[in-house]
Amino acid sequence: MKKPLSRYFEEYIYFYRKLLKWRGKFVVAPFEEVTQTLIPSIHRLNALYQTQYIARELTPDEKTQVFKEGGTHLSPNVDRDAIKVQIEHELEADKTKRLIHKAQALYQQFLPVG
């Protein structure tokens, strides 16, 4: 039997609350940044760990390869749409909505300032 969606949020909250005391010791990238450009994340990584990774955009061929190898979770497809339909009603449950709110507030605490 699969776990209810609310259980995944409870586990997320438990895990990330434990990490709060180490905030600032690792790099967290906002979802929008990771899905659009990694350059700001690479700059923060270099600054925190005194590394010199090259921050550059992926070429169109590299982007194509990422999506080709990424499976159902990276881009729209029939399998992904079926999964979304399955969990849609769980997102509407009051318990899940409360947990989503807590998870989002926790996520915000990890995001870079500025």
N, C-alpha and C. Protein backbone atom coordinates (compact mmCIF):
# COMPACT_ATOMS: atom_id res chain seq x y z
N MET A 1 0.85 -1.19 0.00
CA MET A 1 0.00 0.00 0.00
C MET A 1 0.89 1.25 0.00
N LYS A 2 0.57 2.17 -0.87
CA LYS A 2 1.37 3.39 -0.94
C LYS A 2 1.05 4.34 0.22
N LYS A 3 2.03 5.13 0.55
CA LYS A 3 1.83 6.10 1.63
C LYS A 3 0.92 7.23 1.14
N PRO A 4 0.13 7.79 2.03
CA PRO A 4 -0.64 8.98 1.65
C PRO A 4 0.31 10.16 1.41
N LEU A 5 -0.08 11.04 0.56
CA LEU A 5 0.74 12.20 0.22
C LEU A 5 1.12 13.00 1.46
N SER A 6 0.21 13.10 2.40
CA SER A 6 0.50 13.87 3.62
C SER A 6 1.71 13.30 4.36
N ARG A 7 1.92 12.01 4.28
CA ARG A 7 3.07 11.39 4.96
C ARG A 7 4.39 11.88 4.37
N TYR A 8 4.43 12.07 3.06
CA TYR A 8 5.64 12.58 2.43
C TYR A 8 5.96 14.00 2.93
N PHE A 9 4.93 14.80 3.11
CA PHE A 9 5.14 16.15 3.63
C PHE A 9 5.62 16.11 5.08
N GLU A 10 5.07 15.20 5.87
CA GLU A 10 5.53 15.05 7.25
C GLU A 10 7.01 14.67 7.29
N GLU A 11 7.41 13.77 6.43
CA GLU A 11 8.81 13.35 6.38
C GLU A 11 9.71 14.48 5.90
N TYR A 12 9.27 15.25 4.93
CA TYR A 12 10.02 16.42 4.44
C TYR A 12 10.25 17.40 5.58
N ILE A 13 9.18 17.72 6.30
CA ILE A 13 9.26 18.68 7.40
C ILE A 13 10.21 18.16 8.49
N TYR A 14 10.09 16.91 8.85
CA TYR A 14 10.97 16.32 9.86
C TYR A 14 12.43 16.44 9.44
N PHE A 15 12.74 16.05 8.22
CA PHE A 15 14.11 16.06 7.72
C PHE A 15 14.68 17.48 7.68
N TYR A 16 13.94 18.42 7.10
CA TYR A 16 14.49 19.77 6.93
C TYR A 16 14.54 20.56 8.23
N ARG A 17 13.68 20.26 9.17
CA ARG A 17 13.80 20.90 10.49
C ARG A 17 15.13 20.51 11.14
N LYS A 18 15.52 19.27 10.97
CA LYS A 18 16.80 18.80 11.53
C LYS A 18 17.98 19.53 10.87
N LEU A 19 17.85 19.91 9.62
CA LEU A 19 18.93 20.58 8.90
C LEU A 19 19.05 22.07 9.21
N LEU A 20 18.04 22.66 9.83
CA LEU A 20 18.05 24.10 10.08
C LEU A 20 19.31 24.57 10.79
N LYS A 21 19.80 23.79 11.74
CA LYS A 21 20.97 24.24 12.50
C LYS A 21 22.23 24.30 11.64
N TRP A 22 22.22 23.68 10.48
CA TRP A 22 23.38 23.72 9.58
C TRP A 22 23.17 24.65 8.38
N ARG A 23 22.07 25.38 8.41
CA ARG A 23 21.80 26.32 7.33
C ARG A 23 22.99 27.26 7.20
N GLY A 24 23.39 27.53 5.99
CA GLY A 24 24.55 28.37 5.75
C GLY A 24 25.83 27.56 5.55
N LYS A 25 25.77 26.26 5.84
CA LYS A 25 26.93 25.38 5.65
C LYS A 25 26.85 24.61 4.33
N PHE A 26 25.75 24.80 3.62
CA PHE A 26 25.56 24.17 2.32
C PHE A 26 24.76 25.11 1.43
N VAL A 27 24.79 24.87 0.15
CA VAL A 27 24.12 25.73 -0.82
C VAL A 27 22.74 25.16 -1.14
N VAL A 28 21.75 26.02 -1.07
CA VAL A 28 20.39 25.66 -1.47
C VAL A 28 20.02 26.56 -2.64
N ALA A 29 19.47 25.97 -3.65
CA ALA A 29 19.07 26.73 -4.83
C ALA A 29 17.55 26.72 -4.95
N PRO A 30 16.94 27.87 -5.19
CA PRO A 30 15.50 27.91 -5.40
C PRO A 30 15.12 27.06 -6.61
N PHE A 31 13.95 26.46 -6.55
CA PHE A 31 13.47 25.61 -7.63
C PHE A 31 13.54 26.33 -8.98
N GLU A 32 13.07 27.57 -9.01
CA GLU A 32 13.05 28.34 -10.26
C GLU A 32 14.46 28.49 -10.83
N GLU A 33 15.42 28.67 -9.97
CA GLU A 33 16.80 28.84 -10.41
C GLU A 33 17.35 27.53 -11.00
N VAL A 34 17.07 26.44 -10.35
CA VAL A 34 17.57 25.14 -10.80
C VAL A 34 16.95 24.76 -12.15
N THR A 35 15.72 25.14 -12.36
CA THR A 35 15.05 24.76 -13.59
C THR A 35 15.29 25.73 -14.74
N GLN A 36 15.93 26.86 -14.45
CA GLN A 36 16.16 27.85 -15.51
C GLN A 36 17.64 28.12 -15.76
N THR A 37 18.39 28.42 -14.72
CA THR A 37 19.82 28.65 -14.86
C THR A 37 20.52 28.33 -13.55
N LEU A 38 21.59 27.61 -13.63
CA LEU A 38 22.34 27.24 -12.42
C LEU A 38 23.44 28.24 -12.08
N ILE A 39 23.61 29.25 -12.90
CA ILE A 39 24.73 30.18 -12.71
C ILE A 39 24.76 30.80 -11.31
N PRO A 40 23.66 31.36 -10.80
CA PRO A 40 23.73 31.93 -9.44
C PRO A 40 24.07 30.87 -8.38
N SER A 41 23.58 29.66 -8.54
CA SER A 41 23.89 28.59 -7.60
C SER A 41 25.37 28.26 -7.62
N ILE A 42 25.94 28.21 -8.80
CA ILE A 42 27.36 27.90 -8.93
C ILE A 42 28.20 29.01 -8.29
N HIS A 43 27.78 30.26 -8.46
CA HIS A 43 28.50 31.37 -7.82
C HIS A 43 28.45 31.24 -6.29
N ARG A 44 27.27 30.88 -5.74
CA ARG A 44 27.17 30.71 -4.28
C ARG A 44 28.00 29.52 -3.81
N LEU A 45 28.01 28.44 -4.59
CA LEU A 45 28.82 27.27 -4.27
C LEU A 45 30.30 27.64 -4.25
N ASN A 46 30.76 28.37 -5.26
CA ASN A 46 32.15 28.80 -5.31
C ASN A 46 32.50 29.70 -4.12
N ALA A 47 31.60 30.60 -3.77
CA ALA A 47 31.86 31.51 -2.66
C ALA A 47 31.93 30.76 -1.32
N LEU A 48 31.01 29.84 -1.10
CA LEU A 48 30.96 29.13 0.18
C LEU A 48 32.13 28.18 0.36
N TYR A 49 32.49 27.47 -0.70
CA TYR A 49 33.52 26.44 -0.59
C TYR A 49 34.85 26.82 -1.23
N GLN A 50 34.96 28.07 -1.64
CA GLN A 50 36.18 28.58 -2.29
C GLN A 50 36.62 27.66 -3.44
N THR A 51 35.65 27.32 -4.27
CA THR A 51 35.92 26.52 -5.47
C THR A 51 35.89 27.43 -6.68
N GLN A 52 36.19 26.89 -7.82
CA GLN A 52 36.22 27.69 -9.05
C GLN A 52 35.49 26.98 -10.19
N TYR A 53 34.31 26.46 -9.87
CA TYR A 53 33.52 25.84 -10.92
C TYR A 53 33.11 26.90 -11.94
N ILE A 54 33.07 26.53 -13.18
CA ILE A 54 32.71 27.46 -14.25
C ILE A 54 31.18 27.55 -14.32
N ALA A 55 30.70 28.76 -14.21
CA ALA A 55 29.26 29.01 -14.28
C ALA A 55 28.91 29.37 -15.73
N ARG A 56 28.17 28.49 -16.37
CA ARG A 56 27.78 28.74 -17.74
C ARG A 56 26.43 28.09 -18.02
N GLU A 57 25.78 28.57 -19.03
CA GLU A 57 24.51 27.98 -19.45
C GLU A 57 24.78 26.67 -20.18
N LEU A 58 23.84 25.78 -20.11
CA LEU A 58 23.94 24.55 -20.90
C LEU A 58 23.68 24.86 -22.37
N THR A 59 24.35 24.15 -23.24
CA THR A 59 24.09 24.29 -24.67
C THR A 59 22.75 23.64 -24.99
N PRO A 60 22.14 23.98 -26.11
CA PRO A 60 20.89 23.31 -26.48
C PRO A 60 21.04 21.78 -26.54
N ASP A 61 22.16 21.29 -27.03
CA ASP A 61 22.38 19.83 -27.07
C ASP A 61 22.45 19.23 -25.67
N GLU A 62 23.10 19.93 -24.74
CA GLU A 62 23.17 19.44 -23.37
C GLU A 62 21.80 19.41 -22.72
N LYS A 63 20.99 20.44 -22.96
CA LYS A 63 19.62 20.47 -22.41
C LYS A 63 18.80 19.31 -22.96
N THR A 64 18.93 19.06 -24.25
CA THR A 64 18.21 17.95 -24.87
C THR A 64 18.61 16.63 -24.23
N GLN A 65 19.88 16.45 -23.96
CA GLN A 65 20.38 15.22 -23.35
C GLN A 65 19.84 15.05 -21.94
N VAL A 66 19.76 16.12 -21.17
CA VAL A 66 19.23 16.06 -19.82
C VAL A 66 17.79 15.55 -19.85
N PHE A 67 16.97 16.12 -20.71
CA PHE A 67 15.57 15.70 -20.77
C PHE A 67 15.42 14.30 -21.35
N LYS A 68 16.30 13.94 -22.25
CA LYS A 68 16.27 12.60 -22.84
C LYS A 68 16.55 11.53 -21.79
N GLU A 69 17.47 11.80 -20.89
CA GLU A 69 17.86 10.83 -19.87
C GLU A 69 17.09 10.97 -18.56
N GLY A 70 16.25 12.00 -18.45
CA GLY A 70 15.63 12.33 -17.17
C GLY A 70 14.41 11.54 -16.76
N GLY A 71 13.83 10.78 -17.63
CA GLY A 71 12.65 10.01 -17.25
C GLY A 71 11.38 10.84 -17.23
N THR A 72 10.35 10.31 -16.57
CA THR A 72 9.02 10.92 -16.63
C THR A 72 8.87 12.19 -15.81
N HIS A 73 9.76 12.45 -14.87
CA HIS A 73 9.56 13.58 -13.97
C HIS A 73 10.05 14.92 -14.54
N LEU A 74 10.80 14.94 -15.63
CA LEU A 74 11.38 16.19 -16.11
C LEU A 74 10.53 16.95 -17.12
N SER A 75 9.70 16.26 -17.84
CA SER A 75 8.91 16.96 -18.85
C SER A 75 7.55 16.29 -19.00
N PRO A 76 6.59 17.02 -19.54
CA PRO A 76 5.23 16.45 -19.66
C PRO A 76 5.22 15.17 -20.49
N ASN A 77 4.45 14.21 -20.02
CA ASN A 77 4.20 12.99 -20.78
C ASN A 77 2.99 12.28 -20.18
N VAL A 78 2.53 11.23 -20.82
CA VAL A 78 1.32 10.53 -20.40
C VAL A 78 1.47 9.95 -19.00
N ASP A 79 2.60 9.31 -18.69
CA ASP A 79 2.81 8.72 -17.37
C ASP A 79 2.77 9.77 -16.27
N ARG A 80 3.42 10.89 -16.51
CA ARG A 80 3.45 11.96 -15.53
C ARG A 80 2.04 12.52 -15.31
N ASP A 81 1.30 12.69 -16.38
CA ASP A 81 -0.07 13.20 -16.27
C ASP A 81 -0.95 12.26 -15.45
N ALA A 82 -0.76 10.95 -15.60
CA ALA A 82 -1.54 9.97 -14.83
C ALA A 82 -1.22 10.08 -13.35
N ILE A 83 0.04 10.27 -13.02
CA ILE A 83 0.44 10.43 -11.62
C ILE A 83 -0.19 11.69 -11.03
N LYS A 84 -0.18 12.76 -11.80
CA LYS A 84 -0.76 14.02 -11.32
C LYS A 84 -2.24 13.87 -11.02
N VAL A 85 -2.96 13.13 -11.85
CA VAL A 85 -4.39 12.91 -11.62
C VAL A 85 -4.60 12.12 -10.33
N GLN A 86 -3.74 11.13 -10.09
CA GLN A 86 -3.86 10.29 -8.90
C GLN A 86 -3.72 11.09 -7.60
N ILE A 87 -2.82 12.06 -7.58
CA ILE A 87 -2.58 12.77 -6.31
C ILE A 87 -3.36 14.08 -6.19
N GLU A 88 -4.02 14.49 -7.25
CA GLU A 88 -4.72 15.78 -7.22
C GLU A 88 -5.70 15.88 -6.06
N HIS A 89 -6.49 14.86 -5.83
CA HIS A 89 -7.48 14.92 -4.74
C HIS A 89 -6.81 14.95 -3.38
N GLU A 90 -5.64 14.30 -3.23
CA GLU A 90 -4.94 14.32 -1.95
C GLU A 90 -4.45 15.72 -1.60
N LEU A 91 -4.14 16.52 -2.61
CA LEU A 91 -3.67 17.88 -2.36
C LEU A 91 -4.78 18.77 -1.79
N GLU A 92 -6.01 18.39 -2.00
CA GLU A 92 -7.13 19.19 -1.53
C GLU A 92 -7.52 18.89 -0.08
N ALA A 93 -6.99 17.83 0.50
CA ALA A 93 -7.31 17.49 1.88
C ALA A 93 -6.78 18.55 2.83
N ASP A 94 -7.56 18.88 3.85
CA ASP A 94 -7.16 19.92 4.81
C ASP A 94 -5.82 19.61 5.47
N LYS A 95 -5.61 18.36 5.87
CA LYS A 95 -4.35 17.98 6.51
C LYS A 95 -3.18 18.24 5.57
N THR A 96 -3.32 17.85 4.32
CA THR A 96 -2.25 18.05 3.35
C THR A 96 -2.00 19.54 3.13
N LYS A 97 -3.06 20.33 3.04
CA LYS A 97 -2.89 21.78 2.85
C LYS A 97 -2.11 22.40 4.00
N ARG A 98 -2.40 21.98 5.23
CA ARG A 98 -1.66 22.50 6.40
C ARG A 98 -0.18 22.11 6.33
N LEU A 99 0.07 20.87 5.95
CA LEU A 99 1.45 20.40 5.85
C LEU A 99 2.20 21.10 4.72
N ILE A 100 1.53 21.35 3.62
CA ILE A 100 2.15 22.07 2.51
C ILE A 100 2.56 23.47 2.97
N HIS A 101 1.70 24.12 3.71
CA HIS A 101 2.00 25.46 4.23
C HIS A 101 3.24 25.41 5.13
N LYS A 102 3.32 24.42 6.02
CA LYS A 102 4.48 24.28 6.90
C LYS A 102 5.74 23.99 6.09
N ALA A 103 5.63 23.11 5.11
CA ALA A 103 6.79 22.75 4.28
C ALA A 103 7.29 23.96 3.49
N GLN A 104 6.37 24.75 2.95
CA GLN A 104 6.78 25.93 2.19
C GLN A 104 7.45 26.96 3.09
N ALA A 105 6.94 27.14 4.28
CA ALA A 105 7.56 28.08 5.22
C ALA A 105 8.97 27.62 5.59
N LEU A 106 9.14 26.33 5.78
CA LEU A 106 10.44 25.77 6.10
C LEU A 106 11.40 25.95 4.91
N TYR A 107 10.92 25.67 3.72
CA TYR A 107 11.71 25.84 2.49
C TYR A 107 12.22 27.27 2.37
N GLN A 108 11.38 28.23 2.67
CA GLN A 108 11.75 29.65 2.58
C GLN A 108 12.92 29.98 3.50
N GLN A 109 13.03 29.30 4.62
CA GLN A 109 14.11 29.56 5.57
C GLN A 109 15.48 29.14 5.03
N PHE A 110 15.48 28.27 4.03
CA PHE A 110 16.74 27.80 3.45
C PHE A 110 17.18 28.60 2.24
N LEU A 111 16.28 29.36 1.65
CA LEU A 111 16.62 30.06 0.42
C LEU A 111 17.62 31.18 0.65
N PRO A 112 18.45 31.43 -0.34
CA PRO A 112 19.42 32.54 -0.22
C PRO A 112 18.69 33.88 -0.14
N VAL A 113 19.27 34.80 0.58
CA VAL A 113 18.71 36.15 0.71
C VAL A 113 19.21 36.99 -0.44
N GLY A 114 18.29 37.80 -1.01
CA GLY A 114 18.69 38.71 -2.08
C GLY A 114 18.49 38.13 -3.36
